[in-house]
């Protein structure tokens, strides 16, 4: 068996899992950093992956000092991100094939993300897959963000599914902790972050790609 329990629903993260945005975010934050005289390198960005902007802001303050102009920095960074995504927005490999297979199995699916509703609708709407999800839980909708399990528990509730019979797909350590804490069977599909020891312990699989996830599901079926 590829999974320890029957899968009745699937819950996806968005950034870095469905949409290839993390590399864009990393490049944009680095560009913005140069304008403010700091080096926001890949290591700094990776420490933010899976966290909210509030947490990421504190990371910046801890790194560059309490007087670092975070509001101005974020405004510049998001301007860079929007410009870059106008030409670089794309799905991660295997998304469409995986969704097609879930359709064949009639499995409901949701998104649990720290992103805003505008980002979800904008990204997934432009890429033509927004309507393929039966529920969406965004960052502003929950009191407790990842790594707390609330986003995943809320997604399961909206699908009417038992979390124990949900498959969660994540690319971040914080997301893995959130999904595992909700009791879901968790698969990490690494993007910029390699799985650490904690993620390996909490996941039922580490998948190389969404194509790999699809193969695991077919094997289980």
N, C-alpha and C. Protein backbone atom coordinates (compact mmCIF):
# COMPACT_ATOMS: atom_id res chain seq x y z
N UNK A 1 0.84 -1.20 0.00
CA UNK A 1 0.00 0.00 0.00
C UNK A 1 0.88 1.25 0.00
N UNK A 2 0.51 2.23 -0.82
CA UNK A 2 1.26 3.48 -0.87
C UNK A 2 0.89 4.42 0.26
N UNK A 3 -0.32 4.26 0.82
CA UNK A 3 -0.80 5.15 1.86
C UNK A 3 -1.41 4.31 2.98
N UNK A 4 -1.31 4.79 4.22
CA UNK A 4 -1.77 3.98 5.35
C UNK A 4 -3.28 3.88 5.49
N UNK A 5 -4.02 4.83 4.88
CA UNK A 5 -5.48 4.81 5.00
C UNK A 5 -6.11 5.16 3.65
N UNK A 6 -7.39 4.91 3.55
CA UNK A 6 -8.12 5.28 2.34
C UNK A 6 -8.11 6.80 2.18
N UNK A 7 -7.96 7.29 0.97
CA UNK A 7 -7.96 8.73 0.68
C UNK A 7 -9.35 9.12 0.17
N UNK A 8 -10.00 10.02 0.91
CA UNK A 8 -11.33 10.50 0.52
C UNK A 8 -11.32 11.93 -0.01
N UNK A 9 -10.22 12.64 0.18
CA UNK A 9 -10.11 14.03 -0.27
C UNK A 9 -8.63 14.40 -0.31
N UNK A 10 -8.32 15.44 -1.08
CA UNK A 10 -6.94 15.91 -1.21
C UNK A 10 -6.90 17.41 -0.94
N UNK A 11 -5.93 17.84 -0.14
CA UNK A 11 -5.77 19.26 0.17
C UNK A 11 -4.37 19.70 -0.29
N UNK A 12 -4.36 20.74 -1.11
CA UNK A 12 -3.13 21.25 -1.71
C UNK A 12 -2.70 22.55 -1.07
N UNK A 13 -1.41 22.73 -0.91
CA UNK A 13 -0.83 24.07 -0.74
C UNK A 13 -0.87 24.73 -2.13
N UNK A 14 -0.56 26.02 -2.21
CA UNK A 14 -0.56 26.66 -3.52
C UNK A 14 0.84 27.06 -3.99
N UNK A 15 1.47 28.03 -3.33
CA UNK A 15 2.77 28.53 -3.79
C UNK A 15 3.84 27.46 -3.69
N UNK A 16 4.52 27.21 -4.80
CA UNK A 16 5.58 26.23 -4.82
C UNK A 16 5.10 24.81 -4.98
N UNK A 17 3.79 24.60 -4.91
CA UNK A 17 3.21 23.27 -5.04
C UNK A 17 2.35 23.18 -6.28
N UNK A 18 1.39 24.09 -6.41
CA UNK A 18 0.57 24.19 -7.61
C UNK A 18 1.14 25.19 -8.61
N UNK A 19 1.63 26.29 -8.09
CA UNK A 19 2.09 27.39 -8.93
C UNK A 19 3.57 27.64 -8.68
N UNK A 20 4.31 27.84 -9.75
CA UNK A 20 5.76 28.01 -9.65
C UNK A 20 6.10 29.46 -9.32
N UNK A 21 5.78 29.85 -8.08
CA UNK A 21 5.97 31.23 -7.66
C UNK A 21 7.16 31.44 -6.75
N UNK A 22 7.62 30.40 -6.06
CA UNK A 22 8.65 30.61 -5.05
C UNK A 22 9.95 31.16 -5.64
N UNK A 23 10.32 30.68 -6.82
CA UNK A 23 11.54 31.21 -7.44
C UNK A 23 11.38 32.67 -7.82
N UNK A 24 10.16 33.05 -8.23
CA UNK A 24 9.87 34.45 -8.55
C UNK A 24 9.95 35.31 -7.29
N UNK A 25 9.31 34.85 -6.21
CA UNK A 25 9.35 35.59 -4.95
C UNK A 25 10.79 35.79 -4.49
N UNK A 26 11.58 34.73 -4.56
CA UNK A 26 12.97 34.81 -4.10
C UNK A 26 13.75 35.85 -4.89
N UNK A 27 13.58 35.84 -6.21
CA UNK A 27 14.29 36.79 -7.06
C UNK A 27 13.82 38.22 -6.80
N UNK A 28 12.52 38.39 -6.61
CA UNK A 28 11.96 39.73 -6.38
C UNK A 28 12.43 40.30 -5.04
N UNK A 29 12.45 39.46 -4.01
CA UNK A 29 12.90 39.94 -2.71
C UNK A 29 14.39 40.29 -2.73
N UNK A 30 15.15 39.54 -3.51
CA UNK A 30 16.58 39.86 -3.64
C UNK A 30 16.76 41.20 -4.35
N UNK A 31 16.02 41.42 -5.44
CA UNK A 31 16.11 42.69 -6.18
C UNK A 31 15.73 43.87 -5.29
N UNK A 32 14.62 43.70 -4.55
CA UNK A 32 14.18 44.78 -3.67
C UNK A 32 15.22 45.05 -2.59
N UNK A 33 15.84 43.99 -2.10
CA UNK A 33 16.85 44.16 -1.05
C UNK A 33 18.01 45.01 -1.51
N UNK A 34 18.43 44.84 -2.75
CA UNK A 34 19.56 45.64 -3.26
C UNK A 34 19.23 47.13 -3.22
N UNK A 35 17.97 47.48 -3.46
CA UNK A 35 17.58 48.89 -3.42
C UNK A 35 17.63 49.46 -2.00
N UNK A 36 17.55 48.56 -1.01
CA UNK A 36 17.58 49.00 0.39
C UNK A 36 18.93 48.70 1.05
N UNK A 37 19.88 48.31 0.23
CA UNK A 37 21.24 48.12 0.74
C UNK A 37 21.46 46.87 1.56
N UNK A 38 20.63 45.85 1.36
CA UNK A 38 20.82 44.59 2.08
C UNK A 38 20.81 43.42 1.09
N UNK A 39 21.35 42.32 1.52
CA UNK A 39 21.39 41.12 0.68
C UNK A 39 20.34 40.13 1.19
N UNK A 40 19.22 40.08 0.51
CA UNK A 40 18.17 39.10 0.84
C UNK A 40 18.42 37.89 -0.06
N UNK A 41 19.30 37.01 0.41
CA UNK A 41 19.71 35.89 -0.44
C UNK A 41 18.75 34.71 -0.31
N UNK A 42 19.06 33.62 -1.01
CA UNK A 42 18.19 32.45 -1.02
C UNK A 42 18.00 31.87 0.38
N UNK A 43 19.04 31.91 1.20
CA UNK A 43 18.92 31.39 2.56
C UNK A 43 17.88 32.17 3.36
N UNK A 44 17.92 33.50 3.24
CA UNK A 44 16.95 34.34 3.95
C UNK A 44 15.55 34.03 3.45
N UNK A 45 15.40 33.98 2.12
CA UNK A 45 14.07 33.72 1.58
C UNK A 45 13.54 32.36 2.01
N UNK A 46 14.39 31.35 1.99
CA UNK A 46 13.94 30.01 2.36
C UNK A 46 13.45 29.94 3.81
N UNK A 47 13.99 30.80 4.67
CA UNK A 47 13.51 30.83 6.05
C UNK A 47 12.10 31.39 6.16
N UNK A 48 11.62 32.05 5.08
CA UNK A 48 10.27 32.63 5.07
C UNK A 48 9.24 31.70 4.46
N UNK A 49 9.67 30.71 3.71
CA UNK A 49 8.73 29.87 2.95
C UNK A 49 7.75 29.16 3.87
N UNK A 50 6.47 29.28 3.52
CA UNK A 50 5.42 28.65 4.31
C UNK A 50 4.89 29.51 5.44
N UNK A 51 5.48 30.69 5.64
CA UNK A 51 5.07 31.58 6.71
C UNK A 51 4.34 32.81 6.16
N UNK A 52 3.66 33.50 7.04
CA UNK A 52 2.95 34.71 6.66
C UNK A 52 3.92 35.88 6.51
N UNK A 53 3.41 36.97 5.95
CA UNK A 53 4.25 38.16 5.80
C UNK A 53 4.60 38.74 7.17
N UNK A 54 3.72 38.56 8.14
CA UNK A 54 4.01 39.05 9.50
C UNK A 54 5.25 38.35 10.05
N UNK A 55 5.30 37.03 9.91
CA UNK A 55 6.46 36.28 10.37
C UNK A 55 7.69 36.65 9.55
N UNK A 56 7.50 36.79 8.23
CA UNK A 56 8.62 37.14 7.36
C UNK A 56 9.17 38.52 7.69
N UNK A 57 8.29 39.43 8.07
CA UNK A 57 8.73 40.76 8.47
C UNK A 57 9.64 40.69 9.69
N UNK A 58 9.27 39.85 10.64
CA UNK A 58 10.11 39.70 11.84
C UNK A 58 11.46 39.10 11.48
N UNK A 59 11.48 38.21 10.50
CA UNK A 59 12.74 37.63 10.04
C UNK A 59 13.64 38.74 9.49
N UNK A 60 13.04 39.65 8.72
CA UNK A 60 13.80 40.78 8.17
C UNK A 60 14.34 41.67 9.28
N UNK A 61 13.50 41.96 10.26
CA UNK A 61 13.93 42.83 11.36
C UNK A 61 15.04 42.18 12.17
N UNK A 62 14.92 40.88 12.40
CA UNK A 62 15.96 40.17 13.15
C UNK A 62 17.28 40.18 12.37
N UNK A 63 17.18 40.11 11.06
CA UNK A 63 18.37 40.01 10.22
C UNK A 63 19.03 41.36 9.98
N UNK A 64 18.21 42.39 9.71
CA UNK A 64 18.75 43.67 9.25
C UNK A 64 18.59 44.82 10.25
N UNK A 65 18.01 44.53 11.39
CA UNK A 65 17.91 45.55 12.43
C UNK A 65 16.49 46.09 12.58
N UNK A 66 16.18 46.56 13.76
CA UNK A 66 14.83 47.01 14.08
C UNK A 66 14.41 48.25 13.31
N UNK A 67 15.40 48.96 12.72
CA UNK A 67 15.06 50.17 11.96
C UNK A 67 14.93 49.88 10.46
N UNK A 68 14.99 48.64 10.06
CA UNK A 68 14.84 48.32 8.64
C UNK A 68 13.43 48.69 8.18
N UNK A 69 13.28 49.45 7.07
CA UNK A 69 11.97 49.96 6.64
C UNK A 69 11.14 48.88 5.95
N UNK A 70 10.56 48.01 6.75
CA UNK A 70 9.88 46.84 6.19
C UNK A 70 8.68 47.20 5.33
N UNK A 71 7.91 48.22 5.70
CA UNK A 71 6.74 48.58 4.88
C UNK A 71 7.16 48.99 3.47
N UNK A 72 8.16 49.84 3.40
CA UNK A 72 8.65 50.28 2.10
C UNK A 72 9.28 49.12 1.33
N UNK A 73 9.98 48.27 2.05
CA UNK A 73 10.61 47.12 1.41
C UNK A 73 9.55 46.20 0.79
N UNK A 74 8.51 45.86 1.56
CA UNK A 74 7.48 44.98 1.04
C UNK A 74 6.74 45.60 -0.14
N UNK A 75 6.51 46.89 -0.09
CA UNK A 75 5.85 47.55 -1.22
C UNK A 75 6.67 47.39 -2.49
N UNK A 76 7.98 47.56 -2.37
CA UNK A 76 8.85 47.41 -3.53
C UNK A 76 8.91 45.96 -3.98
N UNK A 77 9.00 45.04 -3.02
CA UNK A 77 9.09 43.63 -3.35
C UNK A 77 7.83 43.15 -4.06
N UNK A 78 6.65 43.55 -3.58
CA UNK A 78 5.40 43.11 -4.22
C UNK A 78 5.23 43.74 -5.60
N UNK A 79 5.75 44.93 -5.79
CA UNK A 79 5.73 45.53 -7.13
C UNK A 79 6.58 44.70 -8.08
N UNK A 80 7.74 44.28 -7.62
CA UNK A 80 8.62 43.41 -8.42
C UNK A 80 7.92 42.08 -8.73
N UNK A 81 7.30 41.49 -7.72
CA UNK A 81 6.62 40.21 -7.90
C UNK A 81 5.53 40.32 -8.95
N UNK A 82 4.70 41.35 -8.84
CA UNK A 82 3.60 41.51 -9.79
C UNK A 82 4.12 41.68 -11.21
N UNK A 83 5.18 42.45 -11.37
CA UNK A 83 5.75 42.65 -12.71
C UNK A 83 6.29 41.33 -13.27
N UNK A 84 6.99 40.58 -12.42
CA UNK A 84 7.59 39.34 -12.89
C UNK A 84 6.54 38.29 -13.22
N UNK A 85 5.48 38.21 -12.40
CA UNK A 85 4.46 37.19 -12.63
C UNK A 85 3.60 37.48 -13.86
N UNK A 86 3.62 38.71 -14.33
CA UNK A 86 2.90 39.01 -15.56
C UNK A 86 3.43 38.18 -16.72
N UNK A 87 4.71 37.84 -16.66
CA UNK A 87 5.31 37.08 -17.77
C UNK A 87 5.79 35.69 -17.35
N UNK A 88 5.91 35.44 -16.04
CA UNK A 88 6.51 34.18 -15.59
C UNK A 88 5.56 33.23 -14.88
N UNK A 89 4.30 33.62 -14.70
CA UNK A 89 3.38 32.78 -13.95
C UNK A 89 3.10 31.48 -14.70
N UNK A 90 3.34 30.35 -14.02
CA UNK A 90 3.06 29.06 -14.64
C UNK A 90 2.79 28.00 -13.58
N UNK A 91 2.09 26.95 -14.00
CA UNK A 91 1.81 25.83 -13.12
C UNK A 91 3.06 24.98 -12.92
N UNK A 92 3.12 24.31 -11.80
CA UNK A 92 4.16 23.32 -11.59
C UNK A 92 3.86 22.10 -12.46
N UNK A 93 4.89 21.39 -12.82
CA UNK A 93 4.72 20.22 -13.67
C UNK A 93 3.84 19.18 -12.99
N UNK A 94 2.89 18.63 -13.73
CA UNK A 94 2.05 17.55 -13.23
C UNK A 94 0.74 17.98 -12.63
N UNK A 95 0.49 19.27 -12.48
CA UNK A 95 -0.75 19.74 -11.85
C UNK A 95 -1.98 19.26 -12.62
N UNK A 96 -2.02 19.51 -13.91
CA UNK A 96 -3.22 19.19 -14.69
C UNK A 96 -3.46 17.69 -14.72
N UNK A 97 -2.40 16.92 -14.89
CA UNK A 97 -2.55 15.47 -14.93
C UNK A 97 -3.07 14.94 -13.59
N UNK A 98 -2.59 15.49 -12.48
CA UNK A 98 -3.05 15.06 -11.17
C UNK A 98 -4.52 15.42 -10.96
N UNK A 99 -4.90 16.63 -11.33
CA UNK A 99 -6.30 17.04 -11.18
C UNK A 99 -7.21 16.19 -12.07
N UNK A 100 -6.75 15.86 -13.26
CA UNK A 100 -7.55 15.00 -14.14
C UNK A 100 -7.78 13.63 -13.49
N UNK A 101 -6.76 13.10 -12.85
CA UNK A 101 -6.91 11.79 -12.21
C UNK A 101 -7.85 11.88 -11.00
N UNK A 102 -7.76 12.96 -10.24
CA UNK A 102 -8.69 13.13 -9.12
C UNK A 102 -10.12 13.24 -9.62
N UNK A 103 -10.31 13.84 -10.79
CA UNK A 103 -11.64 13.86 -11.40
C UNK A 103 -12.11 12.45 -11.70
N UNK A 104 -11.22 11.62 -12.24
CA UNK A 104 -11.58 10.23 -12.55
C UNK A 104 -12.02 9.48 -11.29
N UNK A 105 -11.35 9.78 -10.18
CA UNK A 105 -11.66 9.11 -8.92
C UNK A 105 -12.81 9.79 -8.18
N UNK A 106 -13.28 10.93 -8.69
CA UNK A 106 -14.33 11.73 -8.03
C UNK A 106 -13.94 12.11 -6.61
N UNK A 107 -12.66 12.45 -6.43
CA UNK A 107 -12.17 12.87 -5.13
C UNK A 107 -12.26 14.39 -4.99
N UNK A 108 -12.93 14.88 -3.95
CA UNK A 108 -12.98 16.33 -3.72
C UNK A 108 -11.61 16.85 -3.32
N UNK A 109 -11.39 18.13 -3.60
CA UNK A 109 -10.10 18.72 -3.28
C UNK A 109 -10.24 20.16 -2.85
N UNK A 110 -9.27 20.59 -2.03
CA UNK A 110 -9.26 21.95 -1.51
C UNK A 110 -7.84 22.50 -1.56
N UNK A 111 -7.75 23.80 -1.33
CA UNK A 111 -6.47 24.49 -1.19
C UNK A 111 -6.39 25.06 0.22
N UNK A 112 -5.26 24.88 0.87
CA UNK A 112 -5.00 25.50 2.17
C UNK A 112 -3.70 26.29 2.02
N UNK A 113 -3.81 27.61 1.97
CA UNK A 113 -2.67 28.46 1.67
C UNK A 113 -2.59 29.64 2.61
N UNK A 114 -1.38 30.16 2.77
CA UNK A 114 -1.19 31.39 3.55
C UNK A 114 -1.43 32.63 2.69
N UNK A 115 -1.60 32.43 1.39
CA UNK A 115 -1.80 33.54 0.46
C UNK A 115 -3.18 34.16 0.65
N UNK A 116 -3.39 35.31 0.01
CA UNK A 116 -4.65 36.04 0.11
C UNK A 116 -5.65 35.52 -0.92
N UNK A 117 -6.95 35.79 -0.73
CA UNK A 117 -7.94 35.42 -1.74
C UNK A 117 -7.64 36.04 -3.11
N UNK A 118 -7.13 37.27 -3.12
CA UNK A 118 -6.81 37.93 -4.39
C UNK A 118 -5.72 37.16 -5.12
N UNK A 119 -4.71 36.70 -4.39
CA UNK A 119 -3.64 35.92 -5.02
C UNK A 119 -4.18 34.60 -5.56
N UNK A 120 -4.98 33.90 -4.76
CA UNK A 120 -5.52 32.61 -5.20
C UNK A 120 -6.35 32.79 -6.46
N UNK A 121 -7.30 33.71 -6.42
CA UNK A 121 -8.16 33.91 -7.58
C UNK A 121 -7.37 34.42 -8.78
N UNK A 122 -6.40 35.30 -8.52
CA UNK A 122 -5.62 35.86 -9.61
C UNK A 122 -4.72 34.82 -10.26
N UNK A 123 -3.96 34.11 -9.46
CA UNK A 123 -3.03 33.13 -10.02
C UNK A 123 -3.77 31.97 -10.67
N UNK A 124 -4.65 31.34 -9.90
CA UNK A 124 -5.31 30.14 -10.41
C UNK A 124 -6.35 30.46 -11.48
N UNK A 125 -6.93 31.67 -11.39
CA UNK A 125 -7.86 32.08 -12.44
C UNK A 125 -7.14 32.27 -13.76
N UNK A 126 -6.00 32.94 -13.72
CA UNK A 126 -5.22 33.16 -14.94
C UNK A 126 -4.72 31.85 -15.54
N UNK A 127 -4.45 30.89 -14.67
CA UNK A 127 -3.93 29.61 -15.14
C UNK A 127 -5.02 28.59 -15.46
N UNK A 128 -6.28 28.98 -15.22
CA UNK A 128 -7.41 28.17 -15.64
C UNK A 128 -7.76 26.98 -14.76
N UNK A 129 -7.33 26.99 -13.49
CA UNK A 129 -7.65 25.84 -12.65
C UNK A 129 -8.42 26.21 -11.38
N UNK A 130 -8.78 27.47 -11.19
CA UNK A 130 -9.44 27.88 -9.95
C UNK A 130 -10.73 27.08 -9.70
N UNK A 131 -11.50 26.82 -10.74
CA UNK A 131 -12.78 26.15 -10.58
C UNK A 131 -12.65 24.64 -10.37
N UNK A 132 -11.43 24.15 -10.41
CA UNK A 132 -11.23 22.72 -10.23
C UNK A 132 -11.07 22.32 -8.75
N UNK A 133 -11.21 23.31 -7.86
CA UNK A 133 -11.12 23.05 -6.42
C UNK A 133 -12.47 23.33 -5.78
N UNK A 134 -12.85 22.45 -4.88
CA UNK A 134 -14.17 22.54 -4.27
C UNK A 134 -14.20 23.46 -3.06
N UNK A 135 -13.05 23.79 -2.52
CA UNK A 135 -12.96 24.70 -1.37
C UNK A 135 -11.57 25.33 -1.34
N UNK A 136 -11.51 26.52 -0.78
CA UNK A 136 -10.23 27.23 -0.63
C UNK A 136 -10.19 27.86 0.76
N UNK A 137 -9.08 27.67 1.45
CA UNK A 137 -8.85 28.34 2.73
C UNK A 137 -7.62 29.21 2.56
N UNK A 138 -7.79 30.51 2.76
CA UNK A 138 -6.68 31.46 2.59
C UNK A 138 -6.18 31.95 3.95
N UNK A 139 -5.03 32.59 3.94
CA UNK A 139 -4.42 33.06 5.17
C UNK A 139 -5.32 33.95 6.03
N UNK A 140 -5.97 34.97 5.43
CA UNK A 140 -6.79 35.87 6.25
C UNK A 140 -8.02 35.21 6.87
N UNK A 141 -8.38 34.01 6.44
CA UNK A 141 -9.59 33.37 6.92
C UNK A 141 -9.41 32.59 8.22
N UNK A 142 -8.18 32.37 8.63
CA UNK A 142 -7.94 31.57 9.83
C UNK A 142 -7.22 32.40 10.88
N UNK A 143 -7.51 32.09 12.13
CA UNK A 143 -6.85 32.82 13.23
C UNK A 143 -5.41 32.37 13.39
N UNK A 144 -5.17 31.10 13.13
CA UNK A 144 -3.84 30.51 13.30
C UNK A 144 -3.31 30.04 11.97
N UNK A 145 -2.15 30.55 11.59
CA UNK A 145 -1.56 30.22 10.29
C UNK A 145 -0.65 28.99 10.41
N UNK A 146 -0.23 28.46 9.27
CA UNK A 146 0.76 27.40 9.28
C UNK A 146 2.01 27.88 10.05
N UNK A 147 2.60 27.05 10.88
CA UNK A 147 2.50 25.60 11.01
C UNK A 147 1.37 25.07 11.89
N UNK A 148 0.45 25.93 12.34
CA UNK A 148 -0.71 25.47 13.09
C UNK A 148 -1.61 24.67 12.15
N UNK A 149 -2.28 23.64 12.65
CA UNK A 149 -3.13 22.81 11.77
C UNK A 149 -4.44 23.45 11.34
N UNK A 150 -4.80 24.62 11.87
CA UNK A 150 -6.11 25.19 11.56
C UNK A 150 -6.42 25.30 10.06
N UNK A 151 -5.48 25.76 9.21
CA UNK A 151 -5.83 25.84 7.78
C UNK A 151 -6.25 24.50 7.20
N UNK A 152 -5.58 23.44 7.58
CA UNK A 152 -5.91 22.11 7.06
C UNK A 152 -7.19 21.55 7.67
N UNK A 153 -7.40 21.79 8.94
CA UNK A 153 -8.64 21.35 9.57
C UNK A 153 -9.84 22.07 8.97
N UNK A 154 -9.65 23.36 8.67
CA UNK A 154 -10.73 24.14 8.04
C UNK A 154 -11.02 23.62 6.64
N UNK A 155 -9.98 23.31 5.90
CA UNK A 155 -10.16 22.77 4.54
C UNK A 155 -10.93 21.46 4.58
N UNK A 156 -10.56 20.57 5.50
CA UNK A 156 -11.26 19.29 5.62
C UNK A 156 -12.73 19.51 5.97
N UNK A 157 -12.99 20.42 6.89
CA UNK A 157 -14.37 20.71 7.28
C UNK A 157 -15.18 21.22 6.10
N UNK A 158 -14.59 22.07 5.29
CA UNK A 158 -15.32 22.61 4.13
C UNK A 158 -15.59 21.55 3.08
N UNK A 159 -14.76 20.53 3.04
CA UNK A 159 -14.99 19.42 2.12
C UNK A 159 -15.91 18.36 2.72
N UNK A 160 -16.18 18.48 4.02
CA UNK A 160 -16.97 17.45 4.70
C UNK A 160 -16.21 16.15 4.83
N UNK A 161 -14.88 16.24 4.97
CA UNK A 161 -14.03 15.06 5.00
C UNK A 161 -13.36 14.91 6.36
N UNK A 162 -13.15 13.68 6.77
CA UNK A 162 -12.39 13.37 7.97
C UNK A 162 -10.92 13.65 7.67
N UNK A 163 -10.25 14.50 8.46
CA UNK A 163 -8.83 14.78 8.19
C UNK A 163 -7.96 13.53 8.10
N UNK A 164 -8.32 12.49 8.84
CA UNK A 164 -7.53 11.26 8.82
C UNK A 164 -7.56 10.58 7.45
N UNK A 165 -8.58 10.91 6.66
CA UNK A 165 -8.70 10.32 5.33
C UNK A 165 -8.45 11.37 4.23
N UNK A 166 -7.70 12.41 4.60
CA UNK A 166 -7.29 13.42 3.62
C UNK A 166 -5.81 13.26 3.31
N UNK A 167 -5.48 13.44 2.06
CA UNK A 167 -4.09 13.52 1.62
C UNK A 167 -3.72 14.99 1.51
N UNK A 168 -2.63 15.39 2.14
CA UNK A 168 -2.15 16.77 2.07
C UNK A 168 -0.86 16.82 1.28
N UNK A 169 -0.78 17.78 0.36
CA UNK A 169 0.41 17.95 -0.47
C UNK A 169 1.04 19.29 -0.16
N UNK A 170 2.31 19.29 0.23
CA UNK A 170 3.00 20.49 0.70
C UNK A 170 4.43 20.55 0.18
N UNK A 171 4.97 21.78 0.10
CA UNK A 171 6.37 21.94 -0.28
C UNK A 171 7.20 22.58 0.82
N UNK A 172 6.57 23.01 1.91
CA UNK A 172 7.31 23.71 2.96
C UNK A 172 7.30 22.93 4.27
N UNK A 173 8.29 23.20 5.11
CA UNK A 173 8.36 22.56 6.43
C UNK A 173 7.18 22.99 7.29
N UNK A 174 6.84 24.28 7.25
CA UNK A 174 5.71 24.77 8.05
C UNK A 174 4.42 24.11 7.60
N UNK A 175 4.25 23.96 6.30
CA UNK A 175 3.05 23.33 5.77
C UNK A 175 2.95 21.87 6.15
N UNK A 176 4.08 21.17 6.09
CA UNK A 176 4.10 19.77 6.51
C UNK A 176 3.68 19.65 7.97
N UNK A 177 4.19 20.51 8.83
CA UNK A 177 3.81 20.48 10.25
C UNK A 177 2.33 20.74 10.43
N UNK A 178 1.78 21.68 9.65
CA UNK A 178 0.36 22.00 9.75
C UNK A 178 -0.51 20.81 9.33
N UNK A 179 -0.18 20.22 8.21
CA UNK A 179 -0.97 19.10 7.70
C UNK A 179 -0.86 17.88 8.61
N UNK A 180 0.35 17.60 9.06
CA UNK A 180 0.56 16.47 9.97
C UNK A 180 -0.18 16.70 11.28
N UNK A 181 -0.14 17.94 11.77
CA UNK A 181 -0.84 18.26 13.00
C UNK A 181 -2.35 18.10 12.88
N UNK A 182 -2.86 18.25 11.66
CA UNK A 182 -4.29 18.05 11.42
C UNK A 182 -4.65 16.57 11.31
N UNK A 183 -3.64 15.71 11.31
CA UNK A 183 -3.89 14.28 11.22
C UNK A 183 -3.92 13.73 9.81
N UNK A 184 -3.56 14.56 8.84
CA UNK A 184 -3.63 14.13 7.44
C UNK A 184 -2.41 13.31 7.03
N UNK A 185 -2.62 12.46 6.03
CA UNK A 185 -1.51 11.77 5.39
C UNK A 185 -0.79 12.82 4.54
N UNK A 186 0.45 13.09 4.87
CA UNK A 186 1.15 14.23 4.27
C UNK A 186 2.26 13.78 3.35
N UNK A 187 2.29 14.40 2.17
CA UNK A 187 3.36 14.17 1.20
C UNK A 187 4.04 15.50 0.94
N UNK A 188 5.35 15.54 1.10
CA UNK A 188 6.11 16.74 0.75
C UNK A 188 6.63 16.60 -0.67
N UNK A 189 6.38 17.63 -1.46
CA UNK A 189 6.91 17.71 -2.83
C UNK A 189 7.87 18.89 -2.83
N UNK A 190 9.14 18.68 -2.54
CA UNK A 190 10.08 19.79 -2.35
C UNK A 190 10.18 20.71 -3.56
N UNK A 191 10.26 22.00 -3.27
CA UNK A 191 10.50 23.02 -4.30
C UNK A 191 11.85 23.65 -3.99
N UNK A 192 11.89 24.77 -3.29
CA UNK A 192 13.16 25.37 -2.90
C UNK A 192 13.72 24.77 -1.62
N UNK A 193 12.86 24.22 -0.79
CA UNK A 193 13.28 23.65 0.49
C UNK A 193 13.46 22.14 0.37
N UNK A 194 14.61 21.65 0.79
CA UNK A 194 14.80 20.21 0.88
C UNK A 194 14.12 19.70 2.15
N UNK A 195 13.64 18.47 2.14
CA UNK A 195 13.02 17.94 3.36
C UNK A 195 14.04 17.80 4.47
N UNK A 196 13.71 18.30 5.65
CA UNK A 196 14.59 18.11 6.80
C UNK A 196 14.16 16.87 7.57
N UNK A 197 14.86 16.58 8.64
CA UNK A 197 14.58 15.35 9.41
C UNK A 197 13.15 15.36 9.95
N UNK A 198 12.70 16.52 10.41
CA UNK A 198 11.35 16.63 10.97
C UNK A 198 10.30 16.37 9.89
N UNK A 199 10.49 16.93 8.71
CA UNK A 199 9.53 16.72 7.62
C UNK A 199 9.49 15.25 7.21
N UNK A 200 10.64 14.62 7.14
CA UNK A 200 10.67 13.20 6.78
C UNK A 200 9.91 12.35 7.79
N UNK A 201 10.01 12.71 9.06
CA UNK A 201 9.32 11.95 10.10
C UNK A 201 7.80 12.14 10.02
N UNK A 202 7.36 13.30 9.54
CA UNK A 202 5.93 13.61 9.52
C UNK A 202 5.23 13.23 8.22
N UNK A 203 6.00 12.91 7.19
CA UNK A 203 5.42 12.62 5.88
C UNK A 203 5.31 11.12 5.64
N UNK A 204 4.27 10.72 4.92
CA UNK A 204 4.16 9.32 4.51
C UNK A 204 5.00 9.08 3.25
N UNK A 205 5.27 10.15 2.51
CA UNK A 205 6.14 10.06 1.34
C UNK A 205 6.83 11.41 1.12
N UNK A 206 8.01 11.38 0.54
CA UNK A 206 8.65 12.55 -0.04
C UNK A 206 8.61 12.29 -1.55
N UNK A 207 7.90 13.12 -2.28
CA UNK A 207 7.72 12.91 -3.72
C UNK A 207 8.63 13.84 -4.51
N UNK A 208 9.15 13.35 -5.61
CA UNK A 208 10.03 14.16 -6.45
C UNK A 208 9.28 15.24 -7.21
N UNK A 209 7.99 14.99 -7.48
CA UNK A 209 7.19 15.91 -8.28
C UNK A 209 5.72 15.51 -8.13
N UNK A 210 4.83 16.30 -8.73
CA UNK A 210 3.42 15.91 -8.73
C UNK A 210 3.18 14.71 -9.63
N UNK A 211 4.04 14.51 -10.62
CA UNK A 211 3.97 13.28 -11.41
C UNK A 211 4.21 12.07 -10.51
N UNK A 212 5.13 12.20 -9.57
CA UNK A 212 5.41 11.13 -8.62
C UNK A 212 4.20 10.90 -7.72
N UNK A 213 3.55 11.97 -7.27
CA UNK A 213 2.34 11.84 -6.46
C UNK A 213 1.27 11.08 -7.24
N UNK A 214 1.11 11.42 -8.50
CA UNK A 214 0.14 10.73 -9.35
C UNK A 214 0.45 9.24 -9.42
N UNK A 215 1.71 8.90 -9.59
CA UNK A 215 2.11 7.49 -9.65
C UNK A 215 1.78 6.77 -8.34
N UNK A 216 2.01 7.45 -7.20
CA UNK A 216 1.69 6.87 -5.90
C UNK A 216 0.20 6.61 -5.76
N UNK A 217 -0.62 7.55 -6.23
CA UNK A 217 -2.07 7.38 -6.16
C UNK A 217 -2.52 6.22 -7.04
N UNK A 218 -1.96 6.12 -8.22
CA UNK A 218 -2.35 5.04 -9.11
C UNK A 218 -1.95 3.68 -8.53
N UNK A 219 -0.78 3.66 -7.89
CA UNK A 219 -0.35 2.42 -7.26
C UNK A 219 -1.28 2.03 -6.14
N UNK A 220 -1.72 3.01 -5.35
CA UNK A 220 -2.63 2.74 -4.25
C UNK A 220 -3.99 2.26 -4.75
N UNK A 221 -4.42 2.80 -5.91
CA UNK A 221 -5.72 2.41 -6.45
C UNK A 221 -5.69 0.99 -7.00
